[in-house]
Amino acid sequence: MPILPTTGLPLSATTPSARPAKTPEALEQTARDFEAAFLTEAFSHMGLDRTKGVEGAAPFASFVNRAYAEQLVERGGIGLAENIVRALAAKDDNA
């Protein structure tokens, strides 16, 4: 008797070759999302999420950092997303 329930998917559906191909637009959006997540984390480590003594504001500081990061990425970011897309495109060309 199996311990884990089966998914009902054939084994071949879980192999990397069976994954759907990403469109360039989807790849770029995913890279921008990653850059925003990276910047959000960086901002919190830089101390930009300090609430300056505002009671009850601490739980919401990460939302402010995320908003700052998304705005930065919309305005061109720091180039991380562009480098990710370029590296993945080069990898696909070499494959």
N, C-alpha and C. Protein backbone atom coordinates (compact mmCIF):
# COMPACT_ATOMS: atom_id res chain seq x y z
N MET A 1 0.85 -1.19 0.00
CA MET A 1 0.00 0.00 0.00
C MET A 1 0.89 1.24 0.00
N PRO A 2 0.70 2.15 -0.97
CA PRO A 2 1.56 3.33 -1.03
C PRO A 2 1.25 4.30 0.11
N ILE A 3 2.29 4.94 0.60
CA ILE A 3 2.13 5.92 1.67
C ILE A 3 1.59 7.23 1.13
N LEU A 4 2.14 7.66 -0.01
CA LEU A 4 1.70 8.91 -0.62
C LEU A 4 0.66 8.63 -1.70
N PRO A 5 -0.34 9.49 -1.83
CA PRO A 5 -1.32 9.27 -2.89
C PRO A 5 -0.69 9.52 -4.25
N THR A 6 -1.14 8.78 -5.24
CA THR A 6 -0.62 8.99 -6.59
C THR A 6 -1.32 10.20 -7.19
N THR A 7 -0.64 10.87 -8.09
CA THR A 7 -1.19 12.08 -8.69
C THR A 7 -2.07 11.77 -9.89
N GLY A 8 -1.93 10.59 -10.45
CA GLY A 8 -2.70 10.26 -11.63
C GLY A 8 -2.03 10.73 -12.91
N LEU A 9 -0.89 11.41 -12.80
CA LEU A 9 -0.16 11.86 -13.97
C LEU A 9 0.85 10.81 -14.38
N PRO A 10 1.04 10.62 -15.66
CA PRO A 10 2.09 9.70 -16.08
C PRO A 10 3.45 10.26 -15.71
N LEU A 11 4.41 9.39 -15.53
CA LEU A 11 5.75 9.81 -15.12
C LEU A 11 6.35 10.79 -16.11
N SER A 12 6.07 10.63 -17.39
CA SER A 12 6.66 11.50 -18.40
C SER A 12 6.17 12.94 -18.27
N ALA A 13 5.04 13.18 -17.63
CA ALA A 13 4.52 14.54 -17.47
C ALA A 13 5.33 15.34 -16.47
N THR A 14 6.17 14.67 -15.69
CA THR A 14 6.96 15.39 -14.69
C THR A 14 8.39 15.61 -15.12
N THR A 15 8.76 15.12 -16.30
CA THR A 15 10.12 15.30 -16.77
C THR A 15 10.29 16.71 -17.34
N PRO A 16 11.51 17.25 -17.30
CA PRO A 16 11.72 18.61 -17.80
C PRO A 16 11.29 18.81 -19.25
N SER A 17 11.43 17.79 -20.09
CA SER A 17 11.06 17.96 -21.49
C SER A 17 9.56 18.08 -21.68
N ALA A 18 8.77 17.68 -20.68
CA ALA A 18 7.33 17.75 -20.80
C ALA A 18 6.77 19.08 -20.30
N ARG A 19 7.64 19.93 -19.75
CA ARG A 19 7.16 21.23 -19.29
C ARG A 19 6.80 22.11 -20.48
N PRO A 20 5.75 22.94 -20.35
CA PRO A 20 5.40 23.81 -21.46
C PRO A 20 6.48 24.86 -21.70
N ALA A 21 6.67 25.20 -22.96
CA ALA A 21 7.68 26.21 -23.31
C ALA A 21 7.23 27.57 -22.83
N LYS A 22 8.18 28.34 -22.31
CA LYS A 22 7.88 29.69 -21.85
C LYS A 22 7.97 30.65 -23.03
N THR A 23 7.04 31.57 -23.09
CA THR A 23 7.13 32.61 -24.09
C THR A 23 8.16 33.64 -23.63
N PRO A 24 8.74 34.40 -24.52
CA PRO A 24 9.70 35.41 -24.10
C PRO A 24 9.08 36.43 -23.12
N GLU A 25 7.82 36.76 -23.34
CA GLU A 25 7.15 37.71 -22.45
C GLU A 25 6.99 37.14 -21.04
N ALA A 26 6.64 35.86 -20.96
CA ALA A 26 6.48 35.21 -19.65
C ALA A 26 7.82 35.11 -18.94
N LEU A 27 8.88 34.82 -19.70
CA LEU A 27 10.21 34.73 -19.12
C LEU A 27 10.65 36.10 -18.58
N GLU A 28 10.41 37.15 -19.35
CA GLU A 28 10.78 38.50 -18.91
C GLU A 28 10.01 38.90 -17.66
N GLN A 29 8.71 38.57 -17.61
CA GLN A 29 7.91 38.91 -16.43
C GLN A 29 8.39 38.15 -15.20
N THR A 30 8.73 36.89 -15.37
CA THR A 30 9.25 36.09 -14.26
C THR A 30 10.57 36.66 -13.76
N ALA A 31 11.43 37.09 -14.69
CA ALA A 31 12.71 37.69 -14.30
C ALA A 31 12.50 39.00 -13.56
N ARG A 32 11.53 39.81 -14.00
CA ARG A 32 11.22 41.07 -13.29
C ARG A 32 10.66 40.79 -11.91
N ASP A 33 9.81 39.77 -11.79
CA ASP A 33 9.27 39.39 -10.48
C ASP A 33 10.40 38.95 -9.54
N PHE A 34 11.35 38.19 -10.07
CA PHE A 34 12.48 37.76 -9.25
C PHE A 34 13.30 38.96 -8.80
N GLU A 35 13.54 39.90 -9.72
CA GLU A 35 14.32 41.10 -9.36
C GLU A 35 13.60 41.89 -8.28
N ALA A 36 12.27 42.00 -8.37
CA ALA A 36 11.51 42.72 -7.35
C ALA A 36 11.60 42.00 -6.00
N ALA A 37 11.54 40.67 -6.02
CA ALA A 37 11.66 39.92 -4.76
C ALA A 37 13.06 40.09 -4.17
N PHE A 38 14.08 40.06 -5.03
CA PHE A 38 15.45 40.27 -4.56
C PHE A 38 15.61 41.65 -3.93
N LEU A 39 15.10 42.67 -4.61
CA LEU A 39 15.22 44.03 -4.09
C LEU A 39 14.43 44.22 -2.79
N THR A 40 13.28 43.58 -2.69
CA THR A 40 12.49 43.65 -1.45
C THR A 40 13.30 43.13 -0.28
N GLU A 41 13.95 41.99 -0.49
CA GLU A 41 14.77 41.40 0.57
C GLU A 41 15.97 42.30 0.87
N ALA A 42 16.59 42.84 -0.16
CA ALA A 42 17.74 43.72 0.04
C ALA A 42 17.34 44.96 0.83
N PHE A 43 16.18 45.54 0.49
CA PHE A 43 15.72 46.73 1.21
C PHE A 43 15.51 46.44 2.69
N SER A 44 14.98 45.27 3.00
CA SER A 44 14.74 44.95 4.41
C SER A 44 16.06 44.80 5.16
N HIS A 45 17.09 44.25 4.50
CA HIS A 45 18.40 44.11 5.14
C HIS A 45 19.13 45.44 5.26
N MET A 46 18.77 46.39 4.41
CA MET A 46 19.37 47.72 4.48
C MET A 46 18.74 48.57 5.57
N GLY A 47 17.67 48.07 6.15
CA GLY A 47 17.00 48.83 7.20
C GLY A 47 15.99 49.82 6.68
N LEU A 48 15.59 49.67 5.44
CA LEU A 48 14.62 50.60 4.87
C LEU A 48 13.20 50.34 5.36
N ASP A 49 13.01 49.23 6.06
CA ASP A 49 11.66 48.92 6.55
C ASP A 49 11.47 49.34 8.01
N ARG A 50 12.32 50.19 8.51
CA ARG A 50 12.17 50.66 9.89
C ARG A 50 10.90 51.49 10.00
N THR A 51 10.16 51.27 11.05
CA THR A 51 8.87 51.93 11.22
C THR A 51 8.97 53.22 12.01
N LYS A 52 10.15 53.56 12.46
CA LYS A 52 10.40 54.83 13.17
C LYS A 52 9.43 55.06 14.33
N GLY A 53 9.19 54.01 15.08
CA GLY A 53 8.38 54.14 16.28
C GLY A 53 6.88 54.17 16.07
N VAL A 54 6.41 53.95 14.87
CA VAL A 54 4.97 53.95 14.60
C VAL A 54 4.40 52.63 15.10
N GLU A 55 3.52 52.73 16.07
CA GLU A 55 2.96 51.52 16.68
C GLU A 55 2.07 50.78 15.69
N GLY A 56 2.33 49.48 15.55
CA GLY A 56 1.52 48.63 14.69
C GLY A 56 1.94 48.65 13.23
N ALA A 57 2.96 49.39 12.88
CA ALA A 57 3.36 49.49 11.47
C ALA A 57 4.33 48.40 11.05
N ALA A 58 5.01 47.77 11.97
CA ALA A 58 6.04 46.79 11.65
C ALA A 58 5.54 45.66 10.74
N PRO A 59 4.35 45.09 10.97
CA PRO A 59 3.92 44.00 10.10
C PRO A 59 3.71 44.42 8.64
N PHE A 60 3.57 45.70 8.39
CA PHE A 60 3.28 46.16 7.04
C PHE A 60 4.49 46.72 6.32
N ALA A 61 5.63 46.74 6.98
CA ALA A 61 6.84 47.31 6.39
C ALA A 61 7.26 46.54 5.14
N SER A 62 7.05 45.23 5.11
CA SER A 62 7.44 44.46 3.93
C SER A 62 6.63 44.85 2.71
N PHE A 63 5.38 45.28 2.92
CA PHE A 63 4.56 45.72 1.80
C PHE A 63 5.12 47.00 1.19
N VAL A 64 5.61 47.88 2.04
CA VAL A 64 6.21 49.12 1.56
C VAL A 64 7.47 48.81 0.77
N ASN A 65 8.31 47.91 1.30
CA ASN A 65 9.52 47.52 0.59
C ASN A 65 9.19 46.89 -0.76
N ARG A 66 8.16 46.06 -0.80
CA ARG A 66 7.76 45.43 -2.07
C ARG A 66 7.30 46.49 -3.06
N ALA A 67 6.55 47.48 -2.60
CA ALA A 67 6.08 48.55 -3.49
C ALA A 67 7.26 49.35 -4.03
N TYR A 68 8.23 49.65 -3.17
CA TYR A 68 9.44 50.35 -3.63
C TYR A 68 10.18 49.52 -4.69
N ALA A 69 10.31 48.24 -4.43
CA ALA A 69 11.04 47.35 -5.34
C ALA A 69 10.33 47.26 -6.69
N GLU A 70 9.01 47.12 -6.67
CA GLU A 70 8.26 47.02 -7.92
C GLU A 70 8.38 48.31 -8.73
N GLN A 71 8.34 49.46 -8.06
CA GLN A 71 8.50 50.73 -8.75
C GLN A 71 9.89 50.84 -9.37
N LEU A 72 10.89 50.40 -8.65
CA LEU A 72 12.26 50.44 -9.17
C LEU A 72 12.40 49.55 -10.40
N VAL A 73 11.82 48.37 -10.35
CA VAL A 73 11.90 47.44 -11.47
C VAL A 73 11.15 48.01 -12.68
N GLU A 74 10.00 48.64 -12.46
CA GLU A 74 9.25 49.24 -13.56
C GLU A 74 10.05 50.34 -14.26
N ARG A 75 10.92 51.00 -13.51
CA ARG A 75 11.72 52.09 -14.07
C ARG A 75 13.08 51.61 -14.60
N GLY A 76 13.24 50.32 -14.74
CA GLY A 76 14.48 49.78 -15.31
C GLY A 76 15.26 48.90 -14.36
N GLY A 77 15.00 49.01 -13.07
CA GLY A 77 15.65 48.15 -12.10
C GLY A 77 17.15 48.33 -12.03
N ILE A 78 17.81 47.29 -11.58
CA ILE A 78 19.26 47.32 -11.45
C ILE A 78 19.94 46.43 -12.49
N GLY A 79 19.17 45.91 -13.43
CA GLY A 79 19.71 45.08 -14.50
C GLY A 79 19.70 43.60 -14.22
N LEU A 80 19.22 43.19 -13.08
CA LEU A 80 19.22 41.77 -12.74
C LEU A 80 18.29 40.99 -13.67
N ALA A 81 17.09 41.49 -13.90
CA ALA A 81 16.14 40.79 -14.77
C ALA A 81 16.69 40.66 -16.18
N GLU A 82 17.31 41.71 -16.69
CA GLU A 82 17.87 41.67 -18.05
C GLU A 82 18.96 40.61 -18.14
N ASN A 83 19.80 40.53 -17.13
CA ASN A 83 20.87 39.52 -17.14
C ASN A 83 20.32 38.11 -17.05
N ILE A 84 19.26 37.92 -16.29
CA ILE A 84 18.63 36.59 -16.19
C ILE A 84 18.08 36.18 -17.55
N VAL A 85 17.35 37.08 -18.19
CA VAL A 85 16.76 36.77 -19.50
C VAL A 85 17.86 36.48 -20.52
N ARG A 86 18.90 37.29 -20.52
CA ARG A 86 20.01 37.10 -21.45
C ARG A 86 20.70 35.75 -21.22
N ALA A 87 20.92 35.39 -19.96
CA ALA A 87 21.59 34.13 -19.64
C ALA A 87 20.73 32.94 -20.05
N LEU A 88 19.43 33.01 -19.80
CA LEU A 88 18.55 31.90 -20.17
C LEU A 88 18.41 31.79 -21.67
N ALA A 89 18.40 32.92 -22.38
CA ALA A 89 18.32 32.89 -23.83
C ALA A 89 19.59 32.26 -24.41
N ALA A 90 20.73 32.60 -23.84
CA ALA A 90 21.99 32.01 -24.31
C ALA A 90 22.01 30.51 -24.03
N LYS A 91 21.47 30.11 -22.90
CA LYS A 91 21.42 28.68 -22.56
C LYS A 91 20.54 27.94 -23.56
N ASP A 92 19.40 28.53 -23.93
CA ASP A 92 18.50 27.89 -24.92
C ASP A 92 19.17 27.81 -26.29
N ASP A 93 19.95 28.83 -26.65
CA ASP A 93 20.64 28.83 -27.94
C ASP A 93 21.71 27.75 -27.99
N ASN A 94 22.34 27.48 -26.86
CA ASN A 94 23.40 26.47 -26.81
C ASN A 94 22.87 25.06 -26.73
N ALA A 95 21.61 24.92 -26.33
CA ALA A 95 21.04 23.58 -26.15
C ALA A 95 20.69 22.91 -27.45
